[in-house]
Amino acid sequence: MTNKGKNWSWTEEQKINFKETLKKTIHHLKGKIGLDANAYKGELSGYDAKHSWNIRNWGIATKCEECGDTKCKKYDWANISGEYKRKRSGWKQLCRSCHTKFDKGNVCKNGHKLTPDNVYLYLGTQRHCRECNRIRMSKYRTNLLKGDNEIS
């Protein structure tokens, strides 16, 4: 690698040396997964690692176990126990709509209950709280009467 600049290339000797060094350093990692892997963290592993583990072991989610839908574009493995253990009983296959409803619960960001009477769909898919909208519009009208056109 004595060649400097953009257009340098490896000599044949350098390529052979590099390959030999690479074989010596990573041969011990080859094929080791799970408990045998050097970096295995078990239950201490992160969010992405556990979701990847679910896909490797249980497959890609293909249906919604909540609403029974099988025609959605995307399904997720949703953790229902809150513990993120590697047990199938703590996970469900959910469509994105049911997953969002499960994660958010049945209250809006301001704590109002999202009952059928208090919800309207915006653009056909997004649930919006009628009570929050009523409060927001009330503030808007109050500001209009004051002459202040900004919504606070």
Protein backbone atom coordinates (compact mmCIF):
# COMPACT_ATOMS: atom_id res chain seq x y z
CA MET A 1 0.00 0.00 0.00
CA THR A 2 2.84 2.31 -0.73
CA ASN A 3 0.86 3.91 -3.53
CA LYS A 4 -0.78 7.12 -2.34
CA GLY A 5 -3.67 9.04 -3.83
CA LYS A 6 -6.98 8.17 -5.42
CA ASN A 7 -5.87 5.56 -7.91
CA TRP A 8 -3.74 3.29 -5.72
CA SER A 9 -4.19 -0.47 -5.88
CA TRP A 10 -3.02 -3.44 -3.84
CA THR A 11 -0.11 -5.50 -5.00
CA GLU A 12 -0.63 -9.27 -5.18
CA GLU A 13 1.58 -9.77 -2.14
CA GLN A 14 -0.45 -7.23 -0.14
CA LYS A 15 -3.71 -8.95 -1.11
CA ILE A 16 -2.40 -12.34 0.05
CA ASN A 17 -1.09 -10.90 3.34
CA PHE A 18 -4.38 -9.15 4.01
CA LYS A 19 -6.42 -12.30 3.34
CA GLU A 20 -4.20 -14.36 5.67
CA THR A 21 -4.44 -11.75 8.43
CA LEU A 22 -8.20 -11.60 8.02
CA LYS A 23 -8.51 -15.39 8.27
CA LYS A 24 -6.48 -15.41 11.49
CA THR A 25 -8.52 -12.67 13.15
CA ILE A 26 -12.09 -13.68 12.34
CA HIS A 27 -11.98 -17.45 12.03
CA HIS A 28 -13.07 -17.81 15.67
CA LEU A 29 -16.28 -15.81 15.02
CA LYS A 30 -17.49 -17.86 12.07
CA GLY A 31 -20.76 -19.66 12.74
CA LYS A 32 -21.08 -18.67 16.38
CA ILE A 33 -24.52 -17.35 17.25
CA GLY A 34 -26.60 -17.16 20.39
CA LEU A 35 -24.92 -18.35 23.57
CA ASP A 36 -21.69 -19.24 21.73
CA ALA A 37 -21.16 -15.76 20.25
CA ASN A 38 -18.60 -13.55 21.96
CA ALA A 39 -20.88 -10.49 22.00
CA TYR A 40 -24.02 -12.32 23.18
CA LYS A 41 -25.92 -10.20 25.72
CA GLY A 42 -28.96 -12.37 26.30
CA GLU A 43 -31.84 -10.52 27.90
CA LEU A 44 -29.66 -7.40 28.17
CA SER A 45 -29.62 -6.98 24.37
CA GLY A 46 -31.28 -3.93 22.85
CA TYR A 47 -34.61 -3.25 21.18
CA ASP A 48 -33.43 -3.86 17.61
CA ALA A 49 -31.57 -7.05 18.52
CA LYS A 50 -34.65 -8.56 20.15
CA HIS A 51 -36.91 -7.67 17.23
CA SER A 52 -34.36 -9.14 14.81
CA TRP A 53 -34.24 -12.28 16.95
CA ASN A 54 -38.03 -12.55 16.71
CA ILE A 55 -37.91 -12.44 12.92
CA ARG A 56 -35.09 -15.00 12.75
CA ASN A 57 -36.82 -17.43 15.12
CA TRP A 58 -40.53 -16.89 14.50
CA GLY A 59 -40.45 -15.51 10.96
CA ILE A 60 -41.81 -12.27 9.54
CA ALA A 61 -45.19 -11.28 10.98
CA THR A 62 -47.84 -12.13 8.37
CA LYS A 63 -51.16 -11.46 10.04
CA CYS A 64 -52.81 -9.43 12.76
CA GLU A 65 -53.69 -11.49 15.82
CA GLU A 66 -55.91 -8.66 17.10
CA CYS A 67 -58.25 -7.88 14.18
CA GLY A 68 -57.51 -10.96 12.04
CA ASP A 69 -56.48 -8.94 8.99
CA THR A 70 -54.14 -10.60 6.47
CA LYS A 71 -54.22 -7.98 3.68
CA CYS A 72 -52.29 -5.09 5.26
CA LYS A 73 -48.94 -3.98 3.82
CA LYS A 74 -47.00 -4.22 7.09
CA TYR A 75 -47.19 -6.34 10.22
CA ASP A 76 -45.00 -6.09 13.31
CA TRP A 77 -43.99 -8.23 16.24
CA ALA A 78 -45.44 -6.22 19.12
CA ASN A 79 -44.34 -6.78 22.70
CA ILE A 80 -47.46 -7.18 24.83
CA SER A 81 -45.88 -8.11 28.16
CA GLY A 82 -43.64 -5.05 28.47
CA GLU A 83 -40.72 -7.29 29.49
CA TYR A 84 -39.15 -7.94 26.05
CA LYS A 85 -38.34 -11.55 26.94
CA ARG A 86 -37.68 -14.08 24.19
CA LYS A 87 -40.87 -16.00 24.87
CA ARG A 88 -43.56 -16.23 22.20
CA SER A 89 -46.30 -15.68 24.80
CA GLY A 90 -45.04 -12.12 25.36
CA TRP A 91 -45.38 -11.11 21.69
CA LYS A 92 -48.17 -10.69 19.16
CA GLN A 93 -48.29 -10.21 15.42
CA LEU A 94 -50.15 -6.92 14.82
CA CYS A 95 -50.95 -4.76 11.81
CA ARG A 96 -49.64 -1.20 12.08
CA SER A 97 -53.07 0.19 12.96
CA CYS A 98 -53.62 -2.23 15.86
CA HIS A 99 -49.97 -1.83 16.95
CA THR A 100 -50.38 1.96 17.15
CA LYS A 101 -53.65 1.64 19.07
CA PHE A 102 -52.05 -0.88 21.44
CA ASP A 103 -48.99 1.32 22.08
CA LYS A 104 -50.91 4.56 22.51
CA GLY A 105 -53.79 3.02 24.39
CA ASN A 106 -57.23 4.60 24.23
CA VAL A 107 -56.32 8.10 25.35
CA CYS A 108 -55.05 11.08 23.37
CA LYS A 109 -51.85 12.96 24.23
CA ASN A 110 -53.84 15.22 26.58
CA GLY A 111 -55.45 12.31 28.42
CA HIS A 112 -58.96 12.41 26.89
CA LYS A 113 -60.57 9.02 26.35
CA LEU A 114 -60.74 7.98 22.71
CA THR A 115 -64.26 6.60 22.60
CA PRO A 116 -66.19 6.31 19.31
CA ASP A 117 -68.09 9.49 20.26
CA ASN A 118 -64.87 11.44 20.90
CA VAL A 119 -62.88 10.37 17.82
CA TYR A 120 -62.89 11.46 14.22
CA LEU A 121 -60.69 10.13 11.44
CA TYR A 122 -58.45 12.64 9.68
CA LEU A 123 -57.55 11.64 6.13
CA GLY A 124 -59.30 8.35 6.77
CA THR A 125 -56.56 6.85 8.94
CA GLN A 126 -55.43 9.18 11.73
CA ARG A 127 -57.48 9.21 14.92
CA HIS A 128 -58.05 12.71 16.31
CA CYS A 129 -59.65 13.69 19.60
CA ARG A 130 -62.83 15.82 19.26
CA GLU A 131 -62.32 17.28 22.76
CA CYS A 132 -58.80 18.50 21.91
CA ASN A 133 -60.11 19.96 18.66
CA ARG A 134 -62.95 21.73 20.53
CA ILE A 135 -60.45 23.28 23.01
CA ARG A 136 -58.09 24.31 20.22
CA MET A 137 -60.87 25.96 18.22
CA SER A 138 -62.17 27.72 21.34
CA LYS A 139 -58.70 29.26 21.91
CA TYR A 140 -58.53 30.20 18.24
CA ARG A 141 -61.92 32.00 18.36
CA THR A 142 -60.96 33.78 21.59
CA ASN A 143 -57.74 35.02 19.99
CA LEU A 144 -59.64 36.19 16.89
CA LEU A 145 -61.95 38.33 19.06
CA LYS A 146 -58.91 39.84 20.77
CA GLY A 147 -57.34 40.60 17.41
CA ASP A 148 -54.52 38.13 17.88
CA ASN A 149 -54.50 35.70 14.94
CA GLU A 150 -51.98 33.24 16.41
CA ILE A 151 -52.98 29.95 17.97
CA SER A 152 -51.27 29.34 21.29
